Amino acid sequence: MFKELTKENQDEIKNAYETAYKNAGMIKAKNCTLSAYDIVVSQASIMVQDAKEQLNLLVKDAESLDASLYTASTYASLKTEMDESKNLIALDTATLEQVVEEQVKLVNAKKALIDLSGLKSVVEQSNYVKEEYTKNSYRTYETVLNQAKAVLENANSTTEEIQKALADLTTGVKDSDTWMSSAAYCESCFPELAFLYNAVACGYKDGAFNDNISPVGFTIPSNEQFNALTACLSGSSYPDVGSKLKTVGWDVWNQYFEYPTGGFNLSGFSACGVGYGNSDGTLAPDGNLAHVFYITSTTYDGGLGRYNVNQSASSFLLQAEGGCALGYAVRSIKK
């Protein structure tokens, strides 16, 4: 900042500073014996020291942060600037320009930190008990929880990825529980043929079933009634029950079957592969043209039964839904 004084140039430089000092209208204090050069250098040293003290405060503020609450890459950048700042503070020849520049770098590095605290807190508090939720509801929760943990462990996670993981984890189980506690439906892959309803929409509540979706004079069949249909179509075995239930055509099934003893919708049941609903109310893509689940009126702990017609030849299965979350087709019969 200042040209080094030598025996040869000191008079020239000091005289130049005296002239500049007077031209600037500066007046020395009474009884001041310092040269203008000494005054300027002294003041500059004070300014550098003040800037170093301010930089030191910024370093202490950065050191107080918990590194685990930020992405590893952004905290590493901050740590680099903290080390640079400490080196500059200890450097006797540091200039005001260098110190001020480092202040800006340190402040910017702190601003660039990507905060993980919100997501970390939600992950640490995520202690849902598996047995208290439907299988698909909890599977949704497990998936988003694992994704959130991966985001936390990724040193280079972006703000957008963290926000998405937080939103998904916050709503993942709640959305499923909305389907568990409220009447809900979604479109099938053939909305002109069927919509898909959860158990609550059909009349399930608190372990009991009271049909509130079928037309007057009709009701949803029980497991026993669907079993009776299977027995009627199969006799002592059921290798071709599926083909006897299915509508003919590749436009509504991935595959269908014909047997010498019957097939091609022999029963007139006209089942179509309309799919099934996910626990979040969306349509499950693997069910398109491959499955149709008919909800039954038989109650289970947490839900209703279902009757499955799928793309295989036998294609029937009665089982507990295990909850109310999924969306199934409804087939009603006369009382």
Protein backbone atom coordinates (compact mmCIF):
# COMPACT_ATOMS: atom_id res chain seq x y z
CA MET A 1 0.00 0.00 0.00
CA PHE A 2 2.86 2.31 0.84
CA LYS A 3 6.12 2.57 -1.02
CA GLU A 4 8.98 1.32 1.15
CA LEU A 5 11.05 4.13 2.57
CA THR A 6 14.75 4.09 1.89
CA LYS A 7 17.52 6.42 2.89
CA GLU A 8 17.51 7.80 -0.63
CA ASN A 9 13.74 8.36 -1.12
CA GLN A 10 12.40 9.03 2.35
CA ASP A 11 12.59 12.80 2.11
CA GLU A 12 10.89 12.81 -1.29
CA ILE A 13 8.06 10.52 -0.15
CA LYS A 14 7.50 12.25 3.18
CA ASN A 15 7.42 15.65 1.47
CA ALA A 16 4.87 14.32 -1.04
CA TYR A 17 2.63 13.13 1.82
CA GLU A 18 2.94 16.49 3.59
CA THR A 19 1.84 18.28 0.41
CA ALA A 20 -1.06 15.87 -0.17
CA TYR A 21 -2.09 16.16 3.49
CA LYS A 22 -2.26 19.97 3.29
CA ASN A 23 -3.97 19.97 -0.11
CA ALA A 24 -6.68 17.73 1.34
CA GLY A 25 -7.34 20.37 3.99
CA MET A 26 -6.10 18.18 6.80
CA ILE A 27 -4.78 19.95 9.92
CA LYS A 28 -2.54 18.25 12.43
CA ALA A 29 -3.42 18.36 16.10
CA LYS A 30 -1.63 20.94 18.20
CA ASN A 31 1.82 19.83 19.30
CA CYS A 32 1.69 16.85 16.87
CA THR A 33 5.22 15.97 15.83
CA LEU A 34 4.34 13.12 13.45
CA SER A 35 4.85 13.53 9.74
CA ALA A 36 1.89 13.25 7.42
CA TYR A 37 3.32 9.94 6.19
CA ASP A 38 3.48 8.55 9.75
CA ILE A 39 -0.07 9.71 10.45
CA VAL A 40 -1.46 8.04 7.31
CA VAL A 41 0.46 4.81 7.89
CA SER A 42 -0.65 4.71 11.54
CA GLN A 43 -4.29 5.27 10.60
CA ALA A 44 -4.08 2.63 7.91
CA SER A 45 -2.69 0.15 10.44
CA ILE A 46 -5.58 0.91 12.75
CA MET A 47 -8.04 0.30 9.90
CA VAL A 48 -6.40 -3.03 9.07
CA GLN A 49 -6.52 -4.09 12.72
CA ASP A 50 -10.19 -3.10 13.00
CA ALA A 51 -10.95 -5.10 9.86
CA LYS A 52 -9.09 -8.10 11.29
CA GLU A 53 -11.12 -7.88 14.50
CA GLN A 54 -14.31 -7.83 12.46
CA LEU A 55 -13.06 -10.81 10.45
CA ASN A 56 -12.26 -12.64 13.66
CA LEU A 57 -15.85 -12.13 14.85
CA LEU A 58 -17.11 -13.58 11.58
CA VAL A 59 -14.84 -16.60 12.05
CA LYS A 60 -16.13 -17.20 15.58
CA ASP A 61 -19.71 -16.95 14.32
CA ALA A 62 -18.98 -19.53 11.61
CA GLU A 63 -17.23 -21.84 14.09
CA SER A 64 -20.34 -21.83 16.30
CA LEU A 65 -22.36 -23.58 13.59
CA ASP A 66 -23.10 -27.31 13.83
CA ALA A 67 -21.50 -28.91 10.76
CA SER A 68 -23.97 -31.83 10.86
CA LEU A 69 -26.85 -29.48 10.05
CA TYR A 70 -25.47 -28.60 6.60
CA THR A 71 -24.49 -30.49 3.50
CA ALA A 72 -20.89 -31.67 3.68
CA SER A 73 -19.82 -29.89 0.51
CA THR A 74 -21.14 -26.46 1.50
CA TYR A 75 -19.75 -26.73 5.03
CA ALA A 76 -16.37 -27.76 3.60
CA SER A 77 -16.36 -24.55 1.55
CA LEU A 78 -17.10 -22.55 4.69
CA LYS A 79 -14.34 -24.37 6.58
CA THR A 80 -11.87 -23.46 3.83
CA GLU A 81 -12.74 -19.77 4.18
CA MET A 82 -12.50 -19.98 7.97
CA ASP A 83 -8.96 -21.33 7.65
CA GLU A 84 -8.06 -18.65 5.09
CA SER A 85 -9.42 -15.98 7.43
CA LYS A 86 -7.38 -17.23 10.38
CA ASN A 87 -4.20 -17.23 8.29
CA LEU A 88 -4.87 -13.68 7.13
CA ILE A 89 -5.56 -12.45 10.66
CA ALA A 90 -2.18 -13.82 11.75
CA LEU A 91 -0.37 -12.26 8.77
CA ASP A 92 1.46 -9.05 9.79
CA THR A 93 1.69 -7.81 6.21
CA ALA A 94 -2.02 -8.27 5.40
CA THR A 95 -3.50 -5.24 3.68
CA LEU A 96 -6.87 -3.66 4.28
CA GLU A 97 -7.98 -4.73 0.82
CA GLN A 98 -7.10 -8.38 1.52
CA VAL A 99 -8.90 -8.44 4.87
CA VAL A 100 -12.06 -6.82 3.50
CA GLU A 101 -12.07 -9.22 0.56
CA GLU A 102 -11.79 -12.19 2.92
CA GLN A 103 -14.69 -10.83 4.99
CA VAL A 104 -16.86 -10.91 1.88
CA LYS A 105 -15.75 -14.47 0.99
CA LEU A 106 -16.49 -15.75 4.48
CA VAL A 107 -19.93 -14.13 4.60
CA ASN A 108 -20.80 -15.53 1.16
CA ALA A 109 -19.62 -19.02 2.15
CA LYS A 110 -21.92 -18.91 5.16
CA LYS A 111 -24.83 -17.73 3.03
CA ALA A 112 -24.18 -20.60 0.61
CA LEU A 113 -24.65 -23.24 3.33
CA ILE A 114 -27.45 -25.67 2.49
CA ASP A 115 -29.46 -26.33 5.63
CA LEU A 116 -30.35 -29.93 6.53
CA SER A 117 -31.78 -29.20 9.98
CA GLY A 118 -35.46 -29.35 9.01
CA LEU A 119 -35.16 -32.64 7.14
CA LYS A 120 -32.86 -34.10 9.79
CA SER A 121 -35.34 -33.25 12.54
CA VAL A 122 -38.26 -34.88 10.70
CA VAL A 123 -36.20 -38.01 9.97
CA GLU A 124 -35.14 -38.30 13.63
CA GLN A 125 -38.76 -37.97 14.75
CA SER A 126 -40.08 -40.43 12.17
CA ASN A 127 -41.00 -43.32 14.41
CA TYR A 128 -44.25 -44.60 12.92
CA VAL A 129 -45.18 -48.07 14.17
CA LYS A 130 -45.54 -50.46 11.25
CA GLU A 131 -48.43 -52.39 12.77
CA GLU A 132 -50.56 -49.25 13.04
CA TYR A 133 -50.70 -48.64 9.27
CA THR A 134 -51.75 -50.47 6.16
CA LYS A 135 -49.09 -52.45 4.34
CA ASN A 136 -49.06 -50.06 1.38
CA SER A 137 -49.27 -46.98 3.57
CA TYR A 138 -46.24 -48.05 5.55
CA ARG A 139 -44.40 -49.07 2.38
CA THR A 140 -44.91 -45.52 1.09
CA TYR A 141 -43.55 -44.17 4.36
CA GLU A 142 -40.52 -46.48 4.31
CA THR A 143 -39.71 -45.49 0.74
CA VAL A 144 -39.75 -41.74 1.36
CA LEU A 145 -37.90 -42.20 4.67
CA ASN A 146 -35.07 -44.07 2.96
CA GLN A 147 -34.97 -41.44 0.22
CA ALA A 148 -34.76 -38.71 2.85
CA LYS A 149 -31.88 -40.50 4.60
CA ALA A 150 -30.04 -40.78 1.28
CA VAL A 151 -30.45 -37.02 0.76
CA LEU A 152 -29.03 -36.39 4.24
CA GLU A 153 -26.02 -38.60 3.52
CA ASN A 154 -25.31 -37.06 0.12
CA ALA A 155 -22.60 -34.42 0.48
CA ASN A 156 -23.84 -32.63 -2.63
CA SER A 157 -27.61 -32.63 -2.05
CA THR A 158 -29.30 -29.54 -3.46
CA THR A 159 -31.84 -27.31 -1.77
CA GLU A 160 -34.50 -28.58 -4.16
CA GLU A 161 -33.74 -32.21 -3.30
CA ILE A 162 -33.90 -31.47 0.42
CA GLN A 163 -37.21 -29.60 0.11
CA LYS A 164 -38.72 -32.43 -1.93
CA ALA A 165 -37.54 -35.08 0.54
CA LEU A 166 -38.98 -33.05 3.41
CA ALA A 167 -42.32 -32.58 1.64
CA ASP A 168 -42.52 -36.25 0.67
CA LEU A 169 -41.69 -37.44 4.17
CA THR A 170 -44.09 -34.99 5.79
CA THR A 171 -47.01 -36.01 3.57
CA GLY A 172 -46.15 -39.62 2.69
CA VAL A 173 -47.96 -41.34 5.54
CA LYS A 174 -50.48 -38.57 6.04
CA ASP A 175 -51.75 -38.89 2.47
CA SER A 176 -52.11 -42.63 2.96
CA ASP A 177 -53.90 -42.10 6.24
CA THR A 178 -56.35 -39.78 4.51
CA TRP A 179 -57.32 -42.77 2.41
CA MET A 180 -57.54 -44.85 5.58
CA SER A 181 -59.80 -42.45 7.44
CA SER A 182 -61.83 -40.78 4.69
CA ALA A 183 -63.97 -41.90 1.79
CA ALA A 184 -61.92 -41.61 -1.39
CA TYR A 185 -61.78 -42.79 -4.99
CA CYS A 186 -59.61 -42.45 -8.08
CA GLU A 187 -60.00 -43.09 -11.80
CA SER A 188 -59.14 -46.53 -13.14
CA CYS A 189 -57.16 -46.99 -16.35
CA PHE A 190 -60.60 -47.22 -18.01
CA PRO A 191 -62.62 -44.48 -16.29
CA GLU A 192 -65.47 -45.08 -18.72
CA LEU A 193 -65.78 -48.60 -17.26
CA ALA A 194 -64.98 -48.20 -13.56
CA PHE A 195 -63.77 -46.00 -10.74
CA LEU A 196 -61.75 -47.35 -7.83
CA TYR A 197 -62.95 -46.85 -4.25
CA ASN A 198 -61.39 -47.37 -0.84
CA ALA A 199 -63.09 -49.34 1.92
CA VAL A 200 -64.38 -46.24 3.73
CA ALA A 201 -66.15 -45.07 0.59
CA CYS A 202 -67.86 -48.46 0.39
CA GLY A 203 -69.07 -48.35 3.98
CA TYR A 204 -66.27 -49.59 6.21
CA LYS A 205 -65.86 -47.88 9.58
CA ASP A 206 -64.35 -48.96 12.88
CA GLY A 207 -64.28 -52.65 11.98
CA ALA A 208 -67.85 -52.80 10.68
CA PHE A 209 -69.39 -52.64 7.21
CA ASN A 210 -72.60 -50.86 6.26
CA ASP A 211 -72.94 -50.66 2.48
CA ASN A 212 -73.37 -47.04 1.44
CA ILE A 213 -72.26 -47.23 -2.19
CA SER A 214 -74.44 -49.87 -3.86
CA PRO A 215 -77.74 -48.91 -5.52
CA VAL A 216 -80.95 -49.51 -3.57
CA GLY A 217 -81.72 -53.24 -3.48
CA PHE A 218 -78.10 -54.23 -4.14
CA THR A 219 -75.07 -54.88 -1.95
CA ILE A 220 -71.38 -55.68 -2.20
CA PRO A 221 -70.77 -59.48 -2.12
CA SER A 222 -69.00 -61.11 0.81
CA ASN A 223 -66.01 -63.45 0.62
CA GLU A 224 -68.40 -66.39 0.86
CA GLN A 225 -70.43 -65.18 -2.10
CA PHE A 226 -67.32 -64.70 -4.24
CA ASN A 227 -66.21 -68.19 -3.15
CA ALA A 228 -69.54 -69.54 -4.27
CA LEU A 229 -69.04 -67.91 -7.70
CA THR A 230 -65.61 -69.51 -7.99
CA ALA A 231 -66.95 -72.91 -6.99
CA CYS A 232 -69.77 -72.64 -9.51
CA LEU A 233 -67.35 -71.88 -12.34
CA SER A 234 -64.61 -74.30 -11.37
CA GLY A 235 -66.18 -77.40 -9.88
CA SER A 236 -63.43 -79.30 -8.09
CA SER A 237 -60.62 -77.20 -9.59
CA TYR A 238 -60.23 -73.68 -10.90
CA PRO A 239 -57.55 -73.57 -13.63
CA ASP A 240 -59.73 -71.59 -16.00
CA VAL A 241 -61.91 -69.49 -13.68
CA GLY A 242 -60.16 -66.36 -14.86
CA SER A 243 -61.00 -66.90 -18.51
CA LYS A 244 -64.64 -67.53 -17.64
CA LEU A 245 -64.81 -64.18 -15.84
CA LYS A 246 -62.96 -61.97 -18.31
CA THR A 247 -64.24 -59.73 -21.05
CA VAL A 248 -62.86 -60.82 -24.42
CA GLY A 249 -60.22 -58.60 -26.02
CA TRP A 250 -56.64 -57.40 -25.82
CA ASP A 251 -57.87 -53.85 -25.32
CA VAL A 252 -58.89 -54.60 -21.71
CA TRP A 253 -56.42 -57.39 -20.79
CA ASN A 254 -52.77 -58.16 -21.38
CA GLN A 255 -53.85 -61.75 -22.04
CA TYR A 256 -56.94 -63.93 -21.77
CA PHE A 257 -57.62 -67.63 -22.15
CA GLU A 258 -59.89 -70.05 -23.98
CA TYR A 259 -60.48 -73.62 -22.87
CA PRO A 260 -62.50 -76.47 -24.36
CA THR A 261 -64.65 -76.50 -21.23
CA GLY A 262 -65.45 -72.83 -21.50
CA GLY A 263 -63.86 -69.41 -21.59
CA PHE A 264 -64.24 -66.08 -23.21
CA ASN A 265 -66.44 -64.60 -20.49
CA LEU A 266 -68.58 -67.73 -20.26
CA SER A 267 -70.05 -66.45 -16.97
CA GLY A 268 -71.07 -63.06 -18.31
CA PHE A 269 -69.17 -61.47 -15.42
CA SER A 270 -67.28 -59.23 -17.91
CA ALA A 271 -64.24 -58.44 -15.76
CA CYS A 272 -61.84 -55.89 -17.25
CA GLY A 273 -58.26 -55.12 -16.21
CA VAL A 274 -59.03 -51.67 -14.85
CA GLY A 275 -56.13 -51.74 -12.35
CA TYR A 276 -56.09 -50.63 -8.72
CA GLY A 277 -55.34 -47.50 -6.74
CA ASN A 278 -52.18 -46.79 -4.74
CA SER A 279 -52.28 -45.75 -1.10
CA ASP A 280 -51.83 -42.11 -2.10
CA GLY A 281 -54.84 -42.09 -4.40
CA THR A 282 -52.90 -42.52 -7.65
CA LEU A 283 -53.38 -45.33 -10.15
CA ALA A 284 -50.88 -48.21 -9.80
CA PRO A 285 -49.31 -48.63 -13.27
CA ASP A 286 -48.54 -52.33 -12.81
CA GLY A 287 -52.25 -53.07 -12.56
CA ASN A 288 -53.21 -51.66 -15.94
CA LEU A 289 -54.65 -54.42 -18.16
CA ALA A 290 -53.35 -56.92 -15.60
CA HIS A 291 -55.57 -56.75 -12.52
CA VAL A 292 -58.98 -55.94 -11.21
CA PHE A 293 -59.66 -56.22 -7.49
CA TYR A 294 -63.28 -56.31 -6.39
CA ILE A 295 -63.76 -55.20 -2.81
CA THR A 296 -65.82 -57.54 -0.63
CA SER A 297 -68.08 -56.81 2.32
CA THR A 298 -66.17 -59.15 4.64
CA THR A 299 -64.41 -57.16 7.34
CA TYR A 300 -60.86 -57.66 8.53
CA ASP A 301 -58.84 -55.84 11.11
CA GLY A 302 -58.35 -52.48 9.44
CA GLY A 303 -60.19 -53.07 6.20
CA LEU A 304 -62.22 -55.26 3.87
CA GLY A 305 -61.52 -58.33 1.78
CA ARG A 306 -60.90 -58.35 -1.97
CA TYR A 307 -61.43 -60.70 -4.89
CA ASN A 308 -58.68 -60.64 -7.49
CA VAL A 309 -59.04 -61.33 -11.19
CA ASN A 310 -55.62 -61.02 -12.83
CA GLN A 311 -53.94 -61.79 -16.12
CA SER A 312 -53.20 -65.44 -15.28
CA ALA A 313 -55.45 -68.35 -16.16
CA SER A 314 -56.67 -69.19 -12.65
CA SER A 315 -56.80 -65.55 -11.59
CA PHE A 316 -58.75 -65.60 -8.40
CA LEU A 317 -57.65 -64.86 -4.87
CA LEU A 318 -59.56 -63.92 -1.77
CA GLN A 319 -57.51 -62.18 0.87
CA ALA A 320 -57.55 -59.45 3.49
CA GLU A 321 -56.76 -56.00 2.24
CA GLY A 322 -55.05 -55.21 5.52
CA GLY A 323 -56.46 -51.70 5.64
CA CYS A 324 -58.54 -49.15 3.79
CA ALA A 325 -55.89 -47.43 1.74
CA LEU A 326 -56.05 -49.07 -1.68
CA GLY A 327 -58.62 -48.33 -4.35
CA TYR A 328 -60.63 -51.24 -5.74
CA ALA A 329 -63.48 -51.79 -8.19
CA VAL A 330 -66.98 -52.37 -6.85
CA ARG A 331 -69.34 -55.09 -8.08
CA SER A 332 -72.79 -55.21 -6.45
CA ILE A 333 -75.35 -58.03 -6.44
CA LYS A 334 -79.06 -58.14 -5.68
CA LYS A 335 -79.91 -58.66 -2.05
